[in-house]
Full PDB file with SEQRES, HELIX, SHEET, SSBOND, CRYST1, ORIGX, SCALE, CONECT and MASTER records, all heavy atoms in Angstrom:
SEQRES   1 A   33  ARG GLN ALA ASN ALA GLY VAL SER ALA ALA ARG ASN ALA          
SEQRES   2 A   33  GLY VAL SER ALA THR THR SER PRO LEU VAL ALA VAL LEU          
SEQRES   3 A   33  ASP GLY ASP ASP ALA PHE GLU                                  
HELIX    1 AA1 VAL A    7  SER A   16  1                                  10    
CRYST1    1.000    1.000    1.000  90.00  90.00  90.00 P 1           1          
ORIGX1      1.000000  0.000000  0.000000        0.00000                         
ORIGX2      0.000000  1.000000  0.000000        0.00000                         
ORIGX3      0.000000  0.000000  1.000000        0.00000                         
SCALE1      1.000000  0.000000  0.000000        0.00000                         
SCALE2      0.000000  1.000000  0.000000        0.00000                         
SCALE3      0.000000  0.000000  1.000000        0.00000                         
ATOM      1  N   ARG A   1       0.840  -1.203   0.000  1.00  0.00           N  
ATOM      2  CA  ARG A   1       0.000   0.000   0.000  1.00  0.00           C  
ATOM      3  C   ARG A   1       0.874   1.252   0.000  1.00  0.00           C  
ATOM      4  O   ARG A   1       1.908   1.281   0.663  1.00  0.00           O  
ATOM      5  CB  ARG A   1      -0.915  -0.006   1.205  1.00  0.00           C  
ATOM      6  CG  ARG A   1      -1.886  -1.181   1.190  1.00  0.00           C  
ATOM      7  CD  ARG A   1      -2.770  -1.185   2.417  1.00  0.00           C  
ATOM      8  NE  ARG A   1      -3.480  -2.440   2.559  1.00  0.00           N  
ATOM      9  CZ  ARG A   1      -4.607  -2.751   1.945  1.00  0.00           C  
ATOM     10  NH1 ARG A   1      -5.166  -1.878   1.134  1.00  0.00           N  
ATOM     11  NH2 ARG A   1      -5.185  -3.923   2.133  1.00  0.00           N  
ATOM     12  N   GLN A   2       0.432   2.249  -0.768  1.00  0.00           N  
ATOM     13  CA  GLN A   2       1.135   3.528  -0.799  1.00  0.00           C  
ATOM     14  C   GLN A   2       0.120   4.643  -0.980  1.00  0.00           C  
ATOM     15  O   GLN A   2      -0.997   4.408  -1.442  1.00  0.00           O  
ATOM     16  CB  GLN A   2       2.171   3.563  -1.921  1.00  0.00           C  
ATOM     17  CG  GLN A   2       1.572   3.568  -3.312  1.00  0.00           C  
ATOM     18  CD  GLN A   2       2.634   3.702  -4.396  1.00  0.00           C  
ATOM     19  OE1 GLN A   2       3.743   3.226  -4.241  1.00  0.00           O  
ATOM     20  NE2 GLN A   2       2.287   4.368  -5.477  1.00  0.00           N  
ATOM     21  N   ALA A   3       0.510   5.847  -0.618  1.00  0.00           N  
ATOM     22  CA  ALA A   3      -0.325   7.021  -0.893  1.00  0.00           C  
ATOM     23  C   ALA A   3      -0.425   7.183  -2.402  1.00  0.00           C  
ATOM     24  O   ALA A   3       0.488   6.823  -3.136  1.00  0.00           O  
ATOM     25  CB  ALA A   3       0.288   8.263  -0.258  1.00  0.00           C  
ATOM     26  N   ASN A   4      -1.537   7.733  -2.852  1.00  0.00           N  
ATOM     27  CA  ASN A   4      -1.751   7.896  -4.291  1.00  0.00           C  
ATOM     28  C   ASN A   4      -0.639   8.734  -4.915  1.00  0.00           C  
ATOM     29  O   ASN A   4      -0.421   9.878  -4.534  1.00  0.00           O  
ATOM     30  CB  ASN A   4      -3.113   8.543  -4.544  1.00  0.00           C  
ATOM     31  CG  ASN A   4      -3.410   8.635  -6.022  1.00  0.00           C  
ATOM     32  OD1 ASN A   4      -3.188   9.668  -6.613  1.00  0.00           O  
ATOM     33  ND2 ASN A   4      -3.890   7.558  -6.604  1.00  0.00           N  
ATOM     34  N   ALA A   5       0.064   8.107  -5.859  1.00  0.00           N  
ATOM     35  CA  ALA A   5       1.173   8.779  -6.538  1.00  0.00           C  
ATOM     36  C   ALA A   5       1.145   8.530  -8.040  1.00  0.00           C  
ATOM     37  O   ALA A   5       2.049   8.948  -8.745  1.00  0.00           O  
ATOM     38  CB  ALA A   5       2.501   8.311  -5.950  1.00  0.00           C  
ATOM     39  N   GLY A   6       0.130   7.805  -8.519  1.00  0.00           N  
ATOM     40  CA  GLY A   6       0.013   7.523  -9.944  1.00  0.00           C  
ATOM     41  C   GLY A   6       0.503   6.133 -10.304  1.00  0.00           C  
ATOM     42  O   GLY A   6       1.269   5.510  -9.571  1.00  0.00           O  
ATOM     43  N   VAL A   7       0.056   5.677 -11.459  1.00  0.00           N  
ATOM     44  CA  VAL A   7       0.329   4.302 -11.873  1.00  0.00           C  
ATOM     45  C   VAL A   7       1.820   4.044 -12.078  1.00  0.00           C  
ATOM     46  O   VAL A   7       2.316   2.961 -11.740  1.00  0.00           O  
ATOM     47  CB  VAL A   7      -0.503   3.922 -13.125  1.00  0.00           C  
ATOM     48  CG1 VAL A   7      -0.054   4.692 -14.352  1.00  0.00           C  
ATOM     49  CG2 VAL A   7      -0.453   2.425 -13.384  1.00  0.00           C  
ATOM     50  N   SER A   8       2.551   5.004 -12.597  1.00  0.00           N  
ATOM     51  CA  SER A   8       3.991   4.786 -12.815  1.00  0.00           C  
ATOM     52  C   SER A   8       4.733   4.605 -11.494  1.00  0.00           C  
ATOM     53  O   SER A   8       5.581   3.712 -11.368  1.00  0.00           O  
ATOM     54  CB  SER A   8       4.598   5.943 -13.609  1.00  0.00           C  
ATOM     55  OG  SER A   8       4.057   5.988 -14.904  1.00  0.00           O  
ATOM     56  N   ALA A   9       4.425   5.434 -10.516  1.00  0.00           N  
ATOM     57  CA  ALA A   9       5.051   5.308  -9.201  1.00  0.00           C  
ATOM     58  C   ALA A   9       4.665   3.986  -8.545  1.00  0.00           C  
ATOM     59  O   ALA A   9       5.506   3.330  -7.910  1.00  0.00           O  
ATOM     60  CB  ALA A   9       4.662   6.481  -8.310  1.00  0.00           C  
ATOM     61  N   ALA A  10       3.411   3.578  -8.701  1.00  0.00           N  
ATOM     62  CA  ALA A  10       2.965   2.304  -8.134  1.00  0.00           C  
ATOM     63  C   ALA A  10       3.701   1.136  -8.799  1.00  0.00           C  
ATOM     64  O   ALA A  10       4.162   0.207  -8.123  1.00  0.00           O  
ATOM     65  CB  ALA A  10       1.458   2.151  -8.305  1.00  0.00           C  
ATOM     66  N   ARG A  11       3.819   1.189 -10.103  1.00  0.00           N  
ATOM     67  CA  ARG A  11       4.522   0.124 -10.828  1.00  0.00           C  
ATOM     68  C   ARG A  11       5.991   0.055 -10.386  1.00  0.00           C  
ATOM     69  O   ARG A  11       6.526  -1.018 -10.127  1.00  0.00           O  
ATOM     70  CB  ARG A  11       4.414   0.350 -12.331  1.00  0.00           C  
ATOM     71  CG  ARG A  11       4.948  -0.790 -13.163  1.00  0.00           C  
ATOM     72  CD  ARG A  11       4.662  -0.606 -14.636  1.00  0.00           C  
ATOM     73  NE  ARG A  11       3.218  -0.681 -14.878  1.00  0.00           N  
ATOM     74  CZ  ARG A  11       2.507   0.292 -15.424  1.00  0.00           C  
ATOM     75  NH1 ARG A  11       3.070   1.417 -15.799  1.00  0.00           N  
ATOM     76  NH2 ARG A  11       1.204   0.135 -15.608  1.00  0.00           N  
ATOM     77  N   ASN A  12       6.635   1.207 -10.288  1.00  0.00           N  
ATOM     78  CA  ASN A  12       8.037   1.236  -9.867  1.00  0.00           C  
ATOM     79  C   ASN A  12       8.210   0.703  -8.446  1.00  0.00           C  
ATOM     80  O   ASN A  12       9.159  -0.035  -8.168  1.00  0.00           O  
ATOM     81  CB  ASN A  12       8.601   2.655  -9.975  1.00  0.00           C  
ATOM     82  CG  ASN A  12       8.781   3.095 -11.411  1.00  0.00           C  
ATOM     83  OD1 ASN A  12       8.855   2.284 -12.330  1.00  0.00           O  
ATOM     84  ND2 ASN A  12       8.840   4.399 -11.618  1.00  0.00           N  
ATOM     85  N   ALA A  13       7.307   1.072  -7.548  1.00  0.00           N  
ATOM     86  CA  ALA A  13       7.372   0.571  -6.175  1.00  0.00           C  
ATOM     87  C   ALA A  13       7.217  -0.944  -6.154  1.00  0.00           C  
ATOM     88  O   ALA A  13       7.909  -1.643  -5.408  1.00  0.00           O  
ATOM     89  CB  ALA A  13       6.295   1.231  -5.314  1.00  0.00           C  
ATOM     90  N   GLY A  14       6.310  -1.451  -6.971  1.00  0.00           N  
ATOM     91  CA  GLY A  14       6.104  -2.892  -7.032  1.00  0.00           C  
ATOM     92  C   GLY A  14       7.309  -3.630  -7.566  1.00  0.00           C  
ATOM     93  O   GLY A  14       7.737  -4.642  -6.999  1.00  0.00           O  
ATOM     94  N   VAL A  15       7.867  -3.137  -8.659  1.00  0.00           N  
ATOM     95  CA  VAL A  15       9.053  -3.787  -9.230  1.00  0.00           C  
ATOM     96  C   VAL A  15      10.194  -3.781  -8.219  1.00  0.00           C  
ATOM     97  O   VAL A  15      10.905  -4.775  -8.061  1.00  0.00           O  
ATOM     98  CB  VAL A  15       9.456  -3.121 -10.565  1.00  0.00           C  
ATOM     99  CG1 VAL A  15      10.810  -3.631 -11.037  1.00  0.00           C  
ATOM    100  CG2 VAL A  15       8.392  -3.375 -11.632  1.00  0.00           C  
ATOM    101  N   SER A  16      10.353  -2.684  -7.487  1.00  0.00           N  
ATOM    102  CA  SER A  16      11.403  -2.604  -6.467  1.00  0.00           C  
ATOM    103  C   SER A  16      11.193  -3.606  -5.337  1.00  0.00           C  
ATOM    104  O   SER A  16      12.152  -4.014  -4.689  1.00  0.00           O  
ATOM    105  CB  SER A  16      11.466  -1.189  -5.878  1.00  0.00           C  
ATOM    106  OG  SER A  16      11.902  -0.274  -6.860  1.00  0.00           O  
ATOM    107  N   ALA A  17       9.952  -4.007  -5.107  1.00  0.00           N  
ATOM    108  CA  ALA A  17       9.634  -4.932  -4.008  1.00  0.00           C  
ATOM    109  C   ALA A  17       9.659  -6.401  -4.420  1.00  0.00           C  
ATOM    110  O   ALA A  17       9.430  -7.271  -3.595  1.00  0.00           O  
ATOM    111  CB  ALA A  17       8.260  -4.580  -3.432  1.00  0.00           C  
ATOM    112  N   THR A  18       9.932  -6.687  -5.688  1.00  0.00           N  
ATOM    113  CA  THR A  18       9.948  -8.080  -6.140  1.00  0.00           C  
ATOM    114  C   THR A  18      11.282  -8.737  -5.819  1.00  0.00           C  
ATOM    115  O   THR A  18      12.288  -8.068  -5.570  1.00  0.00           O  
ATOM    116  CB  THR A  18       9.684  -8.188  -7.655  1.00  0.00           C  
ATOM    117  OG1 THR A  18      10.727  -7.507  -8.356  1.00  0.00           O  
ATOM    118  CG2 THR A  18       8.324  -7.615  -8.021  1.00  0.00           C  
ATOM    119  N   THR A  19      11.275 -10.056  -5.843  1.00  0.00           N  
ATOM    120  CA  THR A  19      12.495 -10.814  -5.578  1.00  0.00           C  
ATOM    121  C   THR A  19      12.865 -11.751  -6.721  1.00  0.00           C  
ATOM    122  O   THR A  19      13.967 -12.266  -6.751  1.00  0.00           O  
ATOM    123  CB  THR A  19      12.338 -11.643  -4.287  1.00  0.00           C  
ATOM    124  OG1 THR A  19      11.205 -12.498  -4.412  1.00  0.00           O  
ATOM    125  CG2 THR A  19      12.166 -10.733  -3.073  1.00  0.00           C  
ATOM    126  N   SER A  20      11.983 -11.970  -7.645  1.00  0.00           N  
ATOM    127  CA  SER A  20      12.245 -12.861  -8.766  1.00  0.00           C  
ATOM    128  C   SER A  20      13.120 -12.164  -9.810  1.00  0.00           C  
ATOM    129  O   SER A  20      13.014 -10.951 -10.000  1.00  0.00           O  
ATOM    130  CB  SER A  20      10.921 -13.279  -9.419  1.00  0.00           C  
ATOM    131  OG  SER A  20      11.173 -14.057 -10.578  1.00  0.00           O  
ATOM    132  N   PRO A  21      13.942 -12.927 -10.525  1.00  0.00           N  
ATOM    133  CA  PRO A  21      14.704 -12.320 -11.621  1.00  0.00           C  
ATOM    134  C   PRO A  21      13.820 -11.992 -12.825  1.00  0.00           C  
ATOM    135  O   PRO A  21      14.244 -11.288 -13.731  1.00  0.00           O  
ATOM    136  CB  PRO A  21      15.749 -13.379 -11.968  1.00  0.00           C  
ATOM    137  CG  PRO A  21      15.152 -14.665 -11.520  1.00  0.00           C  
ATOM    138  CD  PRO A  21      14.297 -14.327 -10.326  1.00  0.00           C  
ATOM    139  N   LEU A  22      12.594 -12.497 -12.819  1.00  0.00           N  
ATOM    140  CA  LEU A  22      11.653 -12.241 -13.907  1.00  0.00           C  
ATOM    141  C   LEU A  22      10.426 -11.534 -13.353  1.00  0.00           C  
ATOM    142  O   LEU A  22       9.797 -12.004 -12.411  1.00  0.00           O  
ATOM    143  CB  LEU A  22      11.233 -13.551 -14.574  1.00  0.00           C  
ATOM    144  CG  LEU A  22      12.364 -14.362 -15.212  1.00  0.00           C  
ATOM    145  CD1 LEU A  22      11.836 -15.704 -15.688  1.00  0.00           C  
ATOM    146  CD2 LEU A  22      12.992 -13.594 -16.357  1.00  0.00           C  
ATOM    147  N   VAL A  23      10.084 -10.379 -13.964  1.00  0.00           N  
ATOM    148  CA  VAL A  23       8.957  -9.584 -13.496  1.00  0.00           C  
ATOM    149  C   VAL A  23       8.098  -9.186 -14.689  1.00  0.00           C  
ATOM    150  O   VAL A  23       8.619  -8.767 -15.727  1.00  0.00           O  
ATOM    151  CB  VAL A  23       9.433  -8.308 -12.761  1.00  0.00           C  
ATOM    152  CG1 VAL A  23       8.250  -7.463 -12.314  1.00  0.00           C  
ATOM    153  CG2 VAL A  23      10.318  -8.666 -11.580  1.00  0.00           C  
ATOM    154  N   ALA A  24       6.800  -9.310 -14.532  1.00  0.00           N  
ATOM    155  CA  ALA A  24       5.838  -8.820 -15.526  1.00  0.00           C  
ATOM    156  C   ALA A  24       4.966  -7.785 -14.829  1.00  0.00           C  
ATOM    157  O   ALA A  24       4.870  -7.763 -13.594  1.00  0.00           O  
ATOM    158  CB  ALA A  24       4.984  -9.962 -16.066  1.00  0.00           C  
ATOM    159  N   VAL A  25       4.335  -6.927 -15.608  1.00  0.00           N  
ATOM    160  CA  VAL A  25       3.438  -5.923 -15.039  1.00  0.00           C  
ATOM    161  C   VAL A  25       2.055  -6.071 -15.660  1.00  0.00           C  
ATOM    162  O   VAL A  25       1.909  -6.506 -16.805  1.00  0.00           O  
ATOM    163  CB  VAL A  25       3.969  -4.488 -15.233  1.00  0.00           C  
ATOM    164  CG1 VAL A  25       5.263  -4.289 -14.480  1.00  0.00           C  
ATOM    165  CG2 VAL A  25       4.163  -4.165 -16.696  1.00  0.00           C  
ATOM    166  N   LEU A  26       1.047  -5.719 -14.876  1.00  0.00           N  
ATOM    167  CA  LEU A  26      -0.339  -5.843 -15.303  1.00  0.00           C  
ATOM    168  C   LEU A  26      -1.140  -4.728 -14.650  1.00  0.00           C  
ATOM    169  O   LEU A  26      -1.020  -4.506 -13.438  1.00  0.00           O  
ATOM    170  CB  LEU A  26      -0.898  -7.217 -14.879  1.00  0.00           C  
ATOM    171  CG  LEU A  26      -2.339  -7.546 -15.205  1.00  0.00           C  
ATOM    172  CD1 LEU A  26      -2.557  -7.615 -16.718  1.00  0.00           C  
ATOM    173  CD2 LEU A  26      -2.736  -8.863 -14.551  1.00  0.00           C  
ATOM    174  N   ASP A  27      -1.934  -4.031 -15.434  1.00  0.00           N  
ATOM    175  CA  ASP A  27      -2.837  -3.034 -14.863  1.00  0.00           C  
ATOM    176  C   ASP A  27      -3.994  -3.750 -14.179  1.00  0.00           C  
ATOM    177  O   ASP A  27      -4.430  -4.809 -14.625  1.00  0.00           O  
ATOM    178  CB  ASP A  27      -3.373  -2.097 -15.946  1.00  0.00           C  
ATOM    179  CG  ASP A  27      -2.305  -1.182 -16.513  1.00  0.00           C  
ATOM    180  OD1 ASP A  27      -1.302  -0.917 -15.810  1.00  0.00           O  
ATOM    181  OD2 ASP A  27      -2.457  -0.725 -17.660  1.00  0.00           O  
ATOM    182  N   GLY A  28      -4.502  -3.164 -13.119  1.00  0.00           N  
ATOM    183  CA  GLY A  28      -5.544  -3.789 -12.317  1.00  0.00           C  
ATOM    184  C   GLY A  28      -6.868  -3.985 -13.019  1.00  0.00           C  
ATOM    185  O   GLY A  28      -7.718  -4.734 -12.543  1.00  0.00           O  
ATOM    186  N   ASP A  29      -7.066  -3.346 -14.164  1.00  0.00           N  
ATOM    187  CA  ASP A  29      -8.315  -3.533 -14.902  1.00  0.00           C  
ATOM    188  C   ASP A  29      -8.119  -4.434 -16.124  1.00  0.00           C  
ATOM    189  O   ASP A  29      -8.962  -4.479 -17.009  1.00  0.00           O  
ATOM    190  CB  ASP A  29      -8.926  -2.184 -15.307  1.00  0.00           C  
ATOM    191  CG  ASP A  29      -8.008  -1.356 -16.199  1.00  0.00           C  
ATOM    192  OD1 ASP A  29      -6.821  -1.726 -16.363  1.00  0.00           O  
ATOM    193  OD2 ASP A  29      -8.472  -0.333 -16.714  1.00  0.00           O  
ATOM    194  N   ASP A  30      -7.000  -5.148 -16.147  1.00  0.00           N  
ATOM    195  CA  ASP A  30      -6.719  -6.084 -17.241  1.00  0.00           C  
ATOM    196  C   ASP A  30      -6.563  -7.491 -16.675  1.00  0.00           C  
ATOM    197  O   ASP A  30      -6.537  -7.684 -15.466  1.00  0.00           O  
ATOM    198  CB  ASP A  30      -5.420  -5.689 -17.962  1.00  0.00           C  
ATOM    199  CG  ASP A  30      -5.573  -4.405 -18.765  1.00  0.00           C  
ATOM    200  OD1 ASP A  30      -6.683  -4.143 -19.253  1.00  0.00           O  
ATOM    201  OD2 ASP A  30      -4.573  -3.675 -18.895  1.00  0.00           O  
ATOM    202  N   ALA A  31      -6.419  -8.462 -17.567  1.00  0.00           N  
ATOM    203  CA  ALA A  31      -6.216  -9.851 -17.151  1.00  0.00           C  
ATOM    204  C   ALA A  31      -5.354 -10.537 -18.200  1.00  0.00           C  
ATOM    205  O   ALA A  31      -5.381 -10.183 -19.380  1.00  0.00           O  
ATOM    206  CB  ALA A  31      -7.549 -10.578 -17.022  1.00  0.00           C  
ATOM    207  N   PHE A  32      -4.569 -11.515 -17.751  1.00  0.00           N  
ATOM    208  CA  PHE A  32      -3.750 -12.322 -18.633  1.00  0.00           C  
ATOM    209  C   PHE A  32      -4.540 -13.530 -19.124  1.00  0.00           C  
ATOM    210  O   PHE A  32      -5.339 -14.101 -18.360  1.00  0.00           O  
ATOM    211  CB  PHE A  32      -2.530 -12.875 -17.897  1.00  0.00           C  
ATOM    212  CG  PHE A  32      -1.434 -11.888 -17.604  1.00  0.00           C  
ATOM    213  CD1 PHE A  32      -0.607 -12.090 -16.514  1.00  0.00           C  
ATOM    214  CD2 PHE A  32      -1.194 -10.789 -18.398  1.00  0.00           C  
ATOM    215  CE1 PHE A  32       0.438 -11.228 -16.234  1.00  0.00           C  
ATOM    216  CE2 PHE A  32      -0.166  -9.906 -18.125  1.00  0.00           C  
ATOM    217  CZ  PHE A  32       0.661 -10.128 -17.037  1.00  0.00           C  
ATOM    218  N   GLU A  33      -4.289 -13.936 -20.349  1.00  0.00           N  
ATOM    219  CA  GLU A  33      -4.754 -15.240 -20.831  1.00  0.00           C  
ATOM    220  C   GLU A  33      -3.918 -16.279 -20.079  1.00  0.00           C  
ATOM    221  O   GLU A  33      -2.785 -16.001 -19.677  1.00  0.00           O  
ATOM    222  CB  GLU A  33      -4.549 -15.376 -22.339  1.00  0.00           C  
ATOM    223  CG  GLU A  33      -5.456 -14.483 -23.153  1.00  0.00           C  
ATOM    224  CD  GLU A  33      -6.929 -14.878 -23.058  1.00  0.00           C  
ATOM    225  OE1 GLU A  33      -7.216 -16.087 -22.961  1.00  0.00           O  
ATOM    226  OE2 GLU A  33      -7.786 -13.984 -23.049  1.00  0.00           O  
TER     227      GLU A  33                                                      
MASTER        0    0    0    1    0    0    0    6  226    1    0    3          
END                                                                             
């Protein structure tokens, strides 16, 4: 959770918090096949 800072800031915060060598991104209103 973070204060509202926009989708780019949220994406960057998420990528920084990952531990896998492989990372994908997905907007919350989309879905993967």
